[in-house]
Amino acid sequence: MSAQIINNEKNVVTIEFKIDKDSFQKALKQSYEKNKKHFTIQGFRKGKAPRKLIEAHYGKEVFYDDAVEFAFPTAYESSIEVLELAPVTRPILEDIEDISEEGATLKVKLGVKPEVTLGEYKGAEIESLEPEITEEELNAEMEKMQEQNARIITDDDANLKEKDTAVIDFEGFIDDVAFEGGAGEDYALVIGSDTFIPGFEEQLIGHKKGDEVEVKVTFPETYHAEELKGKEAVFKVTVKEVKVKELPKLDDEFAKDVSEFDTLEELKADTKEKLLETKTKERRAEAERKVIDFAAGNVEMDVPSLLVDEEVARMVQK
């Protein structure tokens, strides 16, 4: 395989290689089979004229373009292997020379993998890879377990607070006139969920079952209903039920209920170990990222302009 590098500027390489006679003759046959249906020769049905006769009428070059296209991939791959290049872009055909029945000489431009000069890679600031679990972190995880295993119970004597559920009837009025879509019955509203208009839920805090409350709010300018945007409204609300979370006690019975352990201390020890494992993985991943970023910031290399062009084209097409 005859191939050579004729130019290399900032990792954009121009190579020259030859499609040999045997390969080109095979490609000419493929080109003839592809294109013969397009030629009409007197005395032959369309698509049945022999190749030599078509070439005699239209010139031998009539099948060259497609022949080059058929022969190109194999010849290109062979030249890359011979020249020991590592392409990072698609090849661009620059020129075809000396094309004949004997073959053709091609000039192709491509981006190749740049040489990397590694700069300073030591000195990235990272946290210790042996973290500790604080009591606050462990307690927070145990409280999360409590929340996950809490029961929702009805408490007729409870005053509403954040995270409680109020079962309410309500009706909204603007200028003492009820408006469409402003009423509901037996609605379960979690206080602090921001389900209702801003300011609504806060005005129910401290109330309990049986209370009748007038809630005054202003609809936001961004409200979905055009006719209500920016309007002041009064909701007449009846608290019909208060539901609260009953958290389980953190003791040995809790440990038995939620895990394979018999004591709370065993559950805490296992939870701490799992938190430590997770935190260690996170620290290591963060450390790897920082080291890579630090080293990459000190790398010197010439990125092929063709690679930049291809990436821009991809972004434009998205």
C-alpha atoms as a PDB file:
ATOM      1  CA  MET A   1       0.000   0.000   0.000  1.00  0.00           C
ATOM      2  CA  SER A   2       1.475   3.325  -1.117  1.00  0.00           C
ATOM      3  CA  ALA A   3       0.655   6.153   1.308  1.00  0.00           C
ATOM      4  CA  GLN A   4       2.392   9.227   2.676  1.00  0.00           C
ATOM      5  CA  ILE A   5       1.770  12.288   4.844  1.00  0.00           C
ATOM      6  CA  ILE A   6       2.211  15.428   2.772  1.00  0.00           C
ATOM      7  CA  ASN A   7       1.167  17.982   5.403  1.00  0.00           C
ATOM      8  CA  ASN A   8       0.604  18.065   9.164  1.00  0.00           C
ATOM      9  CA  GLU A   9      -0.428  21.341  10.787  1.00  0.00           C
ATOM     10  CA  LYS A  10      -1.787  21.348  14.318  1.00  0.00           C
ATOM     11  CA  ASN A  11      -2.976  17.751  13.989  1.00  0.00           C
ATOM     12  CA  VAL A  12      -4.854  18.378  10.737  1.00  0.00           C
ATOM     13  CA  VAL A  13      -3.124  15.940   8.396  1.00  0.00           C
ATOM     14  CA  THR A  14      -3.219  15.685   4.613  1.00  0.00           C
ATOM     15  CA  ILE A  15      -2.330  12.258   3.288  1.00  0.00           C
ATOM     16  CA  GLU A  16      -1.839  10.929  -0.209  1.00  0.00           C
ATOM     17  CA  PHE A  17      -2.529   7.324  -1.157  1.00  0.00           C
ATOM     18  CA  LYS A  18      -3.207   5.271  -4.258  1.00  0.00           C
ATOM     19  CA  ILE A  19      -6.072   3.020  -5.230  1.00  0.00           C
ATOM     20  CA  ASP A  20      -4.306   0.183  -7.048  1.00  0.00           C
ATOM     21  CA  LYS A  21      -5.371  -1.232 -10.405  1.00  0.00           C
ATOM     22  CA  ASP A  22      -7.029  -4.409  -9.099  1.00  0.00           C
ATOM     23  CA  SER A  23      -9.079  -2.511  -6.525  1.00  0.00           C
ATOM     24  CA  PHE A  24     -10.116   0.125  -9.039  1.00  0.00           C
ATOM     25  CA  GLN A  25     -11.145  -2.435 -11.664  1.00  0.00           C
ATOM     26  CA  LYS A  26     -13.337  -4.144  -9.065  1.00  0.00           C
ATOM     27  CA  ALA A  27     -14.846  -0.780  -8.148  1.00  0.00           C
ATOM     28  CA  LEU A  28     -15.487   0.030 -11.839  1.00  0.00           C
ATOM     29  CA  LYS A  29     -17.528  -3.154 -12.126  1.00  0.00           C
ATOM     30  CA  GLN A  30     -19.579  -2.091  -9.083  1.00  0.00           C
ATOM     31  CA  SER A  31     -20.073   1.355 -10.593  1.00  0.00           C
ATOM     32  CA  TYR A  32     -21.216  -0.191 -13.897  1.00  0.00           C
ATOM     33  CA  GLU A  33     -23.755  -2.425 -12.118  1.00  0.00           C
ATOM     34  CA  LYS A  34     -25.078   0.566 -10.194  1.00  0.00           C
ATOM     35  CA  ASN A  35     -25.382   2.934 -13.171  1.00  0.00           C
ATOM     36  CA  LYS A  36     -26.046   0.800 -16.285  1.00  0.00           C
ATOM     37  CA  LYS A  37     -29.804   1.305 -15.968  1.00  0.00           C
ATOM     38  CA  HIS A  38     -29.327   4.975 -16.754  1.00  0.00           C
ATOM     39  CA  PHE A  39     -27.831   4.422 -20.246  1.00  0.00           C
ATOM     40  CA  THR A  40     -29.655   3.768 -23.490  1.00  0.00           C
ATOM     41  CA  ILE A  41     -27.649   2.285 -26.368  1.00  0.00           C
ATOM     42  CA  GLN A  42     -29.326   1.551 -29.699  1.00  0.00           C
ATOM     43  CA  GLY A  43     -29.859  -2.161 -30.172  1.00  0.00           C
ATOM     44  CA  PHE A  44     -29.941  -2.896 -26.439  1.00  0.00           C
ATOM     45  CA  ARG A  45     -32.726  -2.731 -23.865  1.00  0.00           C
ATOM     46  CA  LYS A  46     -32.216  -0.060 -21.230  1.00  0.00           C
ATOM     47  CA  GLY A  47     -29.809  -1.357 -18.610  1.00  0.00           C
ATOM     48  CA  LYS A  48     -28.543  -4.222 -20.771  1.00  0.00           C
ATOM     49  CA  ALA A  49     -25.777  -2.501 -22.737  1.00  0.00           C
ATOM     50  CA  PRO A  50     -22.255  -3.899 -22.096  1.00  0.00           C
ATOM     51  CA  ARG A  51     -19.868  -1.766 -20.089  1.00  0.00           C
ATOM     52  CA  LYS A  52     -17.308  -1.449 -22.927  1.00  0.00           C
ATOM     53  CA  LEU A  53     -19.985  -0.175 -25.304  1.00  0.00           C
ATOM     54  CA  ILE A  54     -21.221   2.421 -22.786  1.00  0.00           C
ATOM     55  CA  GLU A  55     -17.636   3.574 -22.230  1.00  0.00           C
ATOM     56  CA  ALA A  56     -17.101   3.811 -25.979  1.00  0.00           C
ATOM     57  CA  HIS A  57     -20.146   6.105 -26.307  1.00  0.00           C
ATOM     58  CA  TYR A  58     -19.737   8.215 -23.184  1.00  0.00           C
ATOM     59  CA  GLY A  59     -16.039   7.926 -22.368  1.00  0.00           C
ATOM     60  CA  LYS A  60     -14.212   5.666 -19.924  1.00  0.00           C
ATOM     61  CA  GLU A  61     -14.543   8.301 -17.202  1.00  0.00           C
ATOM     62  CA  VAL A  62     -18.311   7.780 -17.009  1.00  0.00           C
ATOM     63  CA  PHE A  63     -17.959   5.236 -14.180  1.00  0.00           C
ATOM     64  CA  TYR A  64     -14.971   6.801 -12.396  1.00  0.00           C
ATOM     65  CA  ASP A  65     -16.786   8.907  -9.761  1.00  0.00           C
ATOM     66  CA  ASP A  66     -18.763   6.060  -8.251  1.00  0.00           C
ATOM     67  CA  ALA A  67     -15.795   3.722  -8.629  1.00  0.00           C
ATOM     68  CA  VAL A  68     -13.719   6.055  -6.434  1.00  0.00           C
ATOM     69  CA  GLU A  69     -16.560   6.089  -3.898  1.00  0.00           C
ATOM     70  CA  PHE A  70     -16.670   2.282  -3.825  1.00  0.00           C
ATOM     71  CA  ALA A  71     -12.882   1.875  -3.565  1.00  0.00           C
ATOM     72  CA  PHE A  72     -12.270   4.707  -1.109  1.00  0.00           C
ATOM     73  CA  PRO A  73     -13.111   3.084   2.275  1.00  0.00           C
ATOM     74  CA  THR A  74     -10.756   0.124   1.932  1.00  0.00           C
ATOM     75  CA  ALA A  75      -7.911   2.185   0.473  1.00  0.00           C
ATOM     76  CA  TYR A  76      -8.335   4.853   3.167  1.00  0.00           C
ATOM     77  CA  GLU A  77      -8.351   2.359   6.042  1.00  0.00           C
ATOM     78  CA  SER A  78      -5.255   0.670   4.655  1.00  0.00           C
ATOM     79  CA  SER A  79      -3.418   3.994   4.370  1.00  0.00           C
ATOM     80  CA  ILE A  80      -4.327   4.942   7.945  1.00  0.00           C
ATOM     81  CA  GLU A  81      -2.958   1.620   9.142  1.00  0.00           C
ATOM     82  CA  VAL A  82       0.265   1.956   7.143  1.00  0.00           C
ATOM     83  CA  LEU A  83       0.836   5.532   8.364  1.00  0.00           C
ATOM     84  CA  GLU A  84      -0.135   4.585  11.952  1.00  0.00           C
ATOM     85  CA  LEU A  85      -2.562   7.495  12.299  1.00  0.00           C
ATOM     86  CA  ALA A  86      -5.400   7.781  14.827  1.00  0.00           C
ATOM     87  CA  PRO A  87      -8.229   9.754  13.149  1.00  0.00           C
ATOM     88  CA  VAL A  88     -10.666  11.733  15.305  1.00  0.00           C
ATOM     89  CA  THR A  89     -12.704  13.197  12.409  1.00  0.00           C
ATOM     90  CA  ARG A  90     -14.272  11.995   9.197  1.00  0.00           C
ATOM     91  CA  PRO A  91     -11.934  12.143   6.173  1.00  0.00           C
ATOM     92  CA  ILE A  92     -12.396  14.938   3.633  1.00  0.00           C
ATOM     93  CA  LEU A  93     -11.474  14.130   0.020  1.00  0.00           C
ATOM     94  CA  GLU A  94      -9.389  17.046  -1.212  1.00  0.00           C
ATOM     95  CA  ASP A  95      -8.258  15.940  -4.660  1.00  0.00           C
ATOM     96  CA  ILE A  96      -8.149  13.040  -7.143  1.00  0.00           C
ATOM     97  CA  GLU A  97      -5.095  12.788  -9.388  1.00  0.00           C
ATOM     98  CA  ASP A  98      -3.901  10.447 -12.137  1.00  0.00           C
ATOM     99  CA  ILE A  99      -7.242   8.686 -12.389  1.00  0.00           C
ATOM    100  CA  SER A 100      -7.360   6.052 -15.107  1.00  0.00           C
ATOM    101  CA  GLU A 101      -8.002   2.375 -15.649  1.00  0.00           C
ATOM    102  CA  GLU A 102      -4.786   1.838 -13.682  1.00  0.00           C
ATOM    103  CA  GLY A 103      -6.213   3.357 -10.502  1.00  0.00           C
ATOM    104  CA  ALA A 104      -6.134   6.793  -8.860  1.00  0.00           C
ATOM    105  CA  THR A 105      -4.169   8.904  -6.407  1.00  0.00           C
ATOM    106  CA  LEU A 106      -6.195  10.583  -3.659  1.00  0.00           C
ATOM    107  CA  LYS A 107      -5.446  13.429  -1.282  1.00  0.00           C
ATOM    108  CA  VAL A 108      -7.430  13.375   1.941  1.00  0.00           C
ATOM    109  CA  LYS A 109      -7.538  15.729   4.945  1.00  0.00           C
ATOM    110  CA  LEU A 110      -8.401  14.489   8.448  1.00  0.00           C
ATOM    111  CA  GLY A 111      -8.006  15.400  12.091  1.00  0.00           C
ATOM    112  CA  VAL A 112      -5.813  13.076  14.137  1.00  0.00           C
ATOM    113  CA  LYS A 113      -5.486  12.430  17.839  1.00  0.00           C
ATOM    114  CA  PRO A 114      -3.347  15.216  19.298  1.00  0.00           C
ATOM    115  CA  GLU A 115      -0.286  14.633  21.409  1.00  0.00           C
ATOM    116  CA  VAL A 116      -0.939  15.616  24.999  1.00  0.00           C
ATOM    117  CA  THR A 117       1.636  17.339  27.154  1.00  0.00           C
ATOM    118  CA  LEU A 118       0.693  16.691  30.759  1.00  0.00           C
ATOM    119  CA  GLY A 119       1.393  19.647  32.988  1.00  0.00           C
ATOM    120  CA  GLU A 120       1.204  19.809  36.777  1.00  0.00           C
ATOM    121  CA  TYR A 121      -1.145  17.128  38.070  1.00  0.00           C
ATOM    122  CA  LYS A 122      -0.241  17.155  41.757  1.00  0.00           C
ATOM    123  CA  GLY A 123      -1.616  19.679  44.185  1.00  0.00           C
ATOM    124  CA  ALA A 124      -5.395  19.412  43.725  1.00  0.00           C
ATOM    125  CA  GLU A 125      -7.116  20.252  47.005  1.00  0.00           C
ATOM    126  CA  ILE A 126      -9.406  17.436  48.133  1.00  0.00           C
ATOM    127  CA  GLU A 127     -11.193  16.491  51.339  1.00  0.00           C
ATOM    128  CA  SER A 128     -10.029  13.596  53.462  1.00  0.00           C
ATOM    129  CA  LEU A 129     -10.967  10.235  51.955  1.00  0.00           C
ATOM    130  CA  GLU A 130     -11.705   8.901  55.445  1.00  0.00           C
ATOM    131  CA  PRO A 131     -14.784  10.888  56.505  1.00  0.00           C
ATOM    132  CA  GLU A 132     -16.549  10.682  59.845  1.00  0.00           C
ATOM    133  CA  ILE A 133     -20.248  10.465  60.595  1.00  0.00           C
ATOM    134  CA  THR A 134     -21.388  13.026  63.164  1.00  0.00           C
ATOM    135  CA  GLU A 135     -24.070  12.441  65.766  1.00  0.00           C
ATOM    136  CA  GLU A 136     -26.226  15.009  63.967  1.00  0.00           C
ATOM    137  CA  GLU A 137     -25.995  13.053  60.710  1.00  0.00           C
ATOM    138  CA  LEU A 138     -26.823   9.758  62.443  1.00  0.00           C
ATOM    139  CA  ASN A 139     -29.747  11.310  64.332  1.00  0.00           C
ATOM    140  CA  ALA A 140     -31.096  12.828  61.109  1.00  0.00           C
ATOM    141  CA  GLU A 141     -31.041   9.395  59.456  1.00  0.00           C
ATOM    142  CA  MET A 142     -32.844   7.821  62.420  1.00  0.00           C
ATOM    143  CA  GLU A 143     -35.474  10.580  62.301  1.00  0.00           C
ATOM    144  CA  LYS A 144     -35.934   9.866  58.618  1.00  0.00           C
ATOM    145  CA  MET A 145     -36.647   6.232  59.538  1.00  0.00           C
ATOM    146  CA  GLN A 146     -39.175   7.441  62.098  1.00  0.00           C
ATOM    147  CA  GLU A 147     -40.917   9.569  59.451  1.00  0.00           C
ATOM    148  CA  GLN A 148     -41.007   6.669  57.015  1.00  0.00           C
ATOM    149  CA  ASN A 149     -42.671   4.459  59.608  1.00  0.00           C
ATOM    150  CA  ALA A 150     -45.028   7.045  61.101  1.00  0.00           C
ATOM    151  CA  ARG A 151     -48.776   6.461  61.393  1.00  0.00           C
ATOM    152  CA  ILE A 152     -51.364   9.048  60.406  1.00  0.00           C
ATOM    153  CA  ILE A 153     -53.993   9.316  63.139  1.00  0.00           C
ATOM    154  CA  THR A 154     -56.985  11.555  63.736  1.00  0.00           C
ATOM    155  CA  ASP A 155     -56.628  13.818  66.786  1.00  0.00           C
ATOM    156  CA  ASP A 156     -59.779  15.705  67.745  1.00  0.00           C
ATOM    157  CA  ASP A 157     -57.890  17.854  70.253  1.00  0.00           C
ATOM    158  CA  ALA A 158     -54.879  18.781  68.118  1.00  0.00           C
ATOM    159  CA  ASN A 159     -54.195  22.305  66.925  1.00  0.00           C
ATOM    160  CA  LEU A 160     -53.014  22.352  63.322  1.00  0.00           C
ATOM    161  CA  LYS A 161     -49.279  22.734  62.718  1.00  0.00           C
ATOM    162  CA  GLU A 162     -46.824  22.279  59.845  1.00  0.00           C
ATOM    163  CA  LYS A 163     -47.043  18.833  58.193  1.00  0.00           C
ATOM    164  CA  ASP A 164     -50.436  18.046  59.767  1.00  0.00           C
ATOM    165  CA  THR A 165     -53.356  17.270  57.461  1.00  0.00           C
ATOM    166  CA  ALA A 166     -56.526  19.364  57.684  1.00  0.00           C
ATOM    167  CA  VAL A 167     -59.711  17.883  56.223  1.00  0.00           C
ATOM    168  CA  ILE A 168     -61.729  20.963  55.248  1.00  0.00           C
ATOM    169  CA  ASP A 169     -64.796  22.313  53.514  1.00  0.00           C
ATOM    170  CA  PHE A 170     -64.229  25.694  51.879  1.00  0.00           C
ATOM    171  CA  GLU A 171     -65.879  28.267  49.646  1.00  0.00           C
ATOM    172  CA  GLY A 172     -64.229  31.328  48.117  1.00  0.00           C
ATOM    173  CA  PHE A 173     -65.746  34.789  47.619  1.00  0.00           C
ATOM    174  CA  ILE A 174     -64.668  37.905  45.731  1.00  0.00           C
ATOM    175  CA  ASP A 175     -66.592  41.048  46.735  1.00  0.00           C
ATOM    176  CA  ASP A 176     -68.980  38.768  48.696  1.00  0.00           C
ATOM    177  CA  VAL A 177     -69.811  36.792  45.544  1.00  0.00           C
ATOM    178  CA  ALA A 178     -68.866  33.114  45.313  1.00  0.00           C
ATOM    179  CA  PHE A 179     -66.710  32.384  42.287  1.00  0.00           C
ATOM    180  CA  GLU A 180     -66.630  29.324  40.099  1.00  0.00           C
ATOM    181  CA  GLY A 181     -64.144  26.636  41.112  1.00  0.00           C
ATOM    182  CA  GLY A 182     -63.615  28.156  44.555  1.00  0.00           C
ATOM    183  CA  ALA A 183     -65.416  25.529  46.662  1.00  0.00           C
ATOM    184  CA  GLY A 184     -64.599  22.051  47.902  1.00  0.00           C
ATOM    185  CA  GLU A 185     -65.691  19.478  50.475  1.00  0.00           C
ATOM    186  CA  ASP A 186     -63.692  16.989  52.545  1.00  0.00           C
ATOM    187  CA  TYR A 187     -60.453  18.243  51.026  1.00  0.00           C
ATOM    188  CA  ALA A 188     -57.328  16.810  52.677  1.00  0.00           C
ATOM    189  CA  LEU A 189     -54.793  19.638  52.820  1.00  0.00           C
ATOM    190  CA  VAL A 190     -51.266  19.062  54.140  1.00  0.00           C
ATOM    191  CA  ILE A 191     -50.202  22.225  55.950  1.00  0.00           C
ATOM    192  CA  GLY A 192     -46.985  23.542  54.449  1.00  0.00           C
ATOM    193  CA  SER A 193     -47.382  21.692  51.155  1.00  0.00           C
ATOM    194  CA  ASP A 194     -48.035  24.974  49.284  1.00  0.00           C
ATOM    195  CA  THR A 195     -50.936  23.296  47.502  1.00  0.00           C
ATOM    196  CA  PHE A 196     -53.248  26.284  47.876  1.00  0.00           C
ATOM    197  CA  ILE A 197     -52.813  29.997  47.175  1.00  0.00           C
ATOM    198  CA  PRO A 198     -49.879  31.588  49.060  1.00  0.00           C
ATOM    199  CA  GLY A 199     -50.965  32.552  52.585  1.00  0.00           C
ATOM    200  CA  PHE A 200     -53.930  30.152  52.738  1.00  0.00           C
ATOM    201  CA  GLU A 201     -52.375  27.274  54.659  1.00  0.00           C
ATOM    202  CA  GLU A 202     -50.572  29.463  57.203  1.00  0.00           C
ATOM    203  CA  GLN A 203     -53.899  30.952  58.359  1.00  0.00           C
ATOM    204  CA  LEU A 204     -55.147  27.500  59.387  1.00  0.00           C
ATOM    205  CA  ILE A 205     -52.242  26.877  61.769  1.00  0.00           C
ATOM    206  CA  GLY A 206     -53.412  26.786  65.405  1.00  0.00           C
ATOM    207  CA  HIS A 207     -56.993  25.860  64.545  1.00  0.00           C
ATOM    208  CA  LYS A 208     -58.605  22.538  65.368  1.00  0.00           C
ATOM    209  CA  LYS A 209     -61.590  20.366  64.537  1.00  0.00           C
ATOM    210  CA  GLY A 210     -64.857  22.319  64.370  1.00  0.00           C
ATOM    211  CA  ASP A 211     -63.265  25.728  63.868  1.00  0.00           C
ATOM    212  CA  GLU A 212     -64.690  28.024  61.214  1.00  0.00           C
ATOM    213  CA  VAL A 213     -62.033  30.292  59.733  1.00  0.00           C
ATOM    214  CA  GLU A 214     -62.097  33.207  57.315  1.00  0.00           C
ATOM    215  CA  VAL A 215     -58.959  33.019  55.199  1.00  0.00           C
ATOM    216  CA  LYS A 216     -58.025  36.184  53.311  1.00  0.00           C
ATOM    217  CA  VAL A 217     -55.697  35.856  50.339  1.00  0.00           C
ATOM    218  CA  THR A 218     -54.710  37.575  47.109  1.00  0.00           C
ATOM    219  CA  PHE A 219     -54.485  35.563  43.922  1.00  0.00           C
ATOM    220  CA  PRO A 220     -51.023  35.827  42.300  1.00  0.00           C
ATOM    221  CA  GLU A 221     -50.649  37.769  39.060  1.00  0.00           C
ATOM    222  CA  THR A 222     -49.376  34.521  37.549  1.00  0.00           C
ATOM    223  CA  TYR A 223     -52.510  32.558  38.489  1.00  0.00           C
ATOM    224  CA  HIS A 224     -53.790  30.315  35.690  1.00  0.00           C
ATOM    225  CA  ALA A 225     -57.361  31.671  35.735  1.00  0.00           C
ATOM    226  CA  GLU A 226     -57.322  35.072  34.018  1.00  0.00           C
ATOM    227  CA  GLU A 227     -60.400  36.380  35.858  1.00  0.00           C
ATOM    228  CA  LEU A 228     -58.795  35.731  39.274  1.00  0.00           C
ATOM    229  CA  LYS A 229     -55.311  37.180  38.708  1.00  0.00           C
ATOM    230  CA  GLY A 230     -54.448  39.759  41.385  1.00  0.00           C
ATOM    231  CA  LYS A 231     -57.923  39.567  42.983  1.00  0.00           C
ATOM    232  CA  GLU A 232     -58.471  39.641  46.755  1.00  0.00           C
ATOM    233  CA  ALA A 233     -60.600  36.765  48.028  1.00  0.00           C
ATOM    234  CA  VAL A 234     -62.083  35.482  51.274  1.00  0.00           C
ATOM    235  CA  PHE A 235     -62.449  31.755  51.866  1.00  0.00           C
ATOM    236  CA  LYS A 236     -64.885  30.486  54.453  1.00  0.00           C
ATOM    237  CA  VAL A 237     -63.269  27.341  55.796  1.00  0.00           C
ATOM    238  CA  THR A 238     -64.567  24.676  58.170  1.00  0.00           C
ATOM    239  CA  VAL A 239     -61.987  22.388  59.762  1.00  0.00           C
ATOM    240  CA  LYS A 240     -63.696  19.006  59.873  1.00  0.00           C
ATOM    241  CA  GLU A 241     -60.781  16.834  60.925  1.00  0.00           C
ATOM    242  CA  VAL A 242     -57.137  17.098  61.978  1.00  0.00           C
ATOM    243  CA  LYS A 243     -54.745  14.301  61.155  1.00  0.00           C
ATOM    244  CA  VAL A 244     -51.287  14.147  62.682  1.00  0.00           C
ATOM    245  CA  LYS A 245     -48.259  11.960  62.274  1.00  0.00           C
ATOM    246  CA  GLU A 246     -47.594   9.610  65.167  1.00  0.00           C
ATOM    247  CA  LEU A 247     -43.893   8.833  65.205  1.00  0.00           C
ATOM    248  CA  PRO A 248     -42.785   5.455  66.575  1.00  0.00           C
ATOM    249  CA  LYS A 249     -40.543   5.476  69.618  1.00  0.00           C
ATOM    250  CA  LEU A 250     -36.874   4.839  68.873  1.00  0.00           C
ATOM    251  CA  ASP A 251     -36.268   1.688  70.923  1.00  0.00           C
ATOM    252  CA  ASP A 252     -35.457  -1.991  70.516  1.00  0.00           C
ATOM    253  CA  GLU A 253     -39.002  -2.754  69.358  1.00  0.00           C
ATOM    254  CA  PHE A 254     -38.627  -0.185  66.587  1.00  0.00           C
ATOM    255  CA  ALA A 255     -35.359  -1.846  65.505  1.00  0.00           C
ATOM    256  CA  LYS A 256     -37.073  -5.242  65.354  1.00  0.00           C
ATOM    257  CA  ASP A 257     -39.975  -3.820  63.327  1.00  0.00           C
ATOM    258  CA  VAL A 258     -37.932  -2.058  60.659  1.00  0.00           C
ATOM    259  CA  SER A 259     -34.796  -4.219  60.381  1.00  0.00           C
ATOM    260  CA  GLU A 260     -33.197  -7.598  61.006  1.00  0.00           C
ATOM    261  CA  PHE A 261     -31.630  -6.328  64.237  1.00  0.00           C
ATOM    262  CA  ASP A 262     -32.822  -7.005  67.787  1.00  0.00           C
ATOM    263  CA  THR A 263     -31.601  -3.788  69.411  1.00  0.00           C
ATOM    264  CA  LEU A 264     -31.601  -0.098  68.594  1.00  0.00           C
ATOM    265  CA  GLU A 265     -27.841   0.069  69.125  1.00  0.00           C
ATOM    266  CA  GLU A 266     -27.288  -2.590  66.465  1.00  0.00           C
ATOM    267  CA  LEU A 267     -29.544  -0.682  64.050  1.00  0.00           C
ATOM    268  CA  LYS A 268     -27.661   2.549  64.749  1.00  0.00           C
ATOM    269  CA  ALA A 269     -24.291   0.857  64.219  1.00  0.00           C
ATOM    270  CA  ASP A 270     -25.445  -0.580  60.876  1.00  0.00           C
ATOM    271  CA  THR A 271     -26.939   2.756  59.806  1.00  0.00           C
ATOM    272  CA  LYS A 272     -23.718   4.560  60.696  1.00  0.00           C
ATOM    273  CA  GLU A 273     -21.681   2.038  58.682  1.00  0.00           C
ATOM    274  CA  LYS A 274     -23.914   2.522  55.622  1.00  0.00           C
ATOM    275  CA  LEU A 275     -23.740   6.306  55.933  1.00  0.00           C
ATOM    276  CA  LEU A 276     -19.954   6.058  56.156  1.00  0.00           C
ATOM    277  CA  GLU A 277     -19.801   3.846  53.068  1.00  0.00           C
ATOM    278  CA  THR A 278     -21.975   6.263  51.075  1.00  0.00           C
ATOM    279  CA  LYS A 279     -20.031   9.302  52.242  1.00  0.00           C
ATOM    280  CA  THR A 280     -16.702   7.628  51.405  1.00  0.00           C
ATOM    281  CA  LYS A 281     -17.871   6.820  47.856  1.00  0.00           C
ATOM    282  CA  GLU A 282     -19.058  10.399  47.399  1.00  0.00           C
ATOM    283  CA  ARG A 283     -15.729  11.781  48.704  1.00  0.00           C
ATOM    284  CA  ARG A 284     -13.722   9.510  46.392  1.00  0.00           C
ATOM    285  CA  ALA A 285     -15.837  10.427  43.361  1.00  0.00           C
ATOM    286  CA  GLU A 286     -15.493  14.126  44.182  1.00  0.00           C
ATOM    287  CA  ALA A 287     -11.745  13.740  44.707  1.00  0.00           C
ATOM    288  CA  GLU A 288     -11.351  11.985  41.341  1.00  0.00           C
ATOM    289  CA  ARG A 289     -13.305  14.772  39.649  1.00  0.00           C
ATOM    290  CA  LYS A 290     -11.157  17.471  41.254  1.00  0.00           C
ATOM    291  CA  VAL A 291      -7.899  15.719  40.356  1.00  0.00           C
ATOM    292  CA  ILE A 292      -9.016  15.225  36.737  1.00  0.00           C
ATOM    293  CA  ASP A 293     -10.191  18.843  36.478  1.00  0.00           C
ATOM    294  CA  PHE A 294      -6.932  20.075  38.004  1.00  0.00           C
ATOM    295  CA  ALA A 295      -4.794  17.984  35.652  1.00  0.00           C
ATOM    296  CA  ALA A 296      -6.940  18.838  32.611  1.00  0.00           C
ATOM    297  CA  GLY A 297      -6.506  22.520  33.373  1.00  0.00           C
ATOM    298  CA  ASN A 298      -2.758  22.140  32.940  1.00  0.00           C
ATOM    299  CA  VAL A 299      -2.784  19.984  29.799  1.00  0.00           C
ATOM    300  CA  GLU A 300      -1.292  21.333  26.591  1.00  0.00           C
ATOM    301  CA  MET A 301      -2.538  20.034  23.223  1.00  0.00           C
ATOM    302  CA  ASP A 302      -3.565  21.271  19.811  1.00  0.00           C
ATOM    303  CA  VAL A 303      -7.160  20.230  19.164  1.00  0.00           C
ATOM    304  CA  PRO A 304      -7.640  19.658  15.396  1.00  0.00           C
ATOM    305  CA  SER A 305      -9.717  22.454  13.876  1.00  0.00           C
ATOM    306  CA  LEU A 306     -11.667  19.842  11.890  1.00  0.00           C
ATOM    307  CA  LEU A 307     -12.801  18.265  15.167  1.00  0.00           C
ATOM    308  CA  VAL A 308     -14.067  21.648  16.384  1.00  0.00           C
ATOM    309  CA  ASP A 309     -15.895  22.149  13.071  1.00  0.00           C
ATOM    310  CA  GLU A 310     -17.587  18.752  13.345  1.00  0.00           C
ATOM    311  CA  GLU A 311     -18.705  19.428  16.920  1.00  0.00           C
ATOM    312  CA  VAL A 312     -20.147  22.835  15.937  1.00  0.00           C
ATOM    313  CA  ALA A 313     -22.018  21.211  13.041  1.00  0.00           C
ATOM    314  CA  ARG A 314     -23.468  18.586  15.394  1.00  0.00           C
ATOM    315  CA  MET A 315     -24.634  21.252  17.834  1.00  0.00           C
ATOM    316  CA  VAL A 316     -26.285  23.236  15.035  1.00  0.00           C
ATOM    317  CA  GLN A 317     -28.166  20.151  13.844  1.00  0.00           C
ATOM    318  CA  LYS A 318     -29.600  19.374  17.276  1.00  0.00           C
END
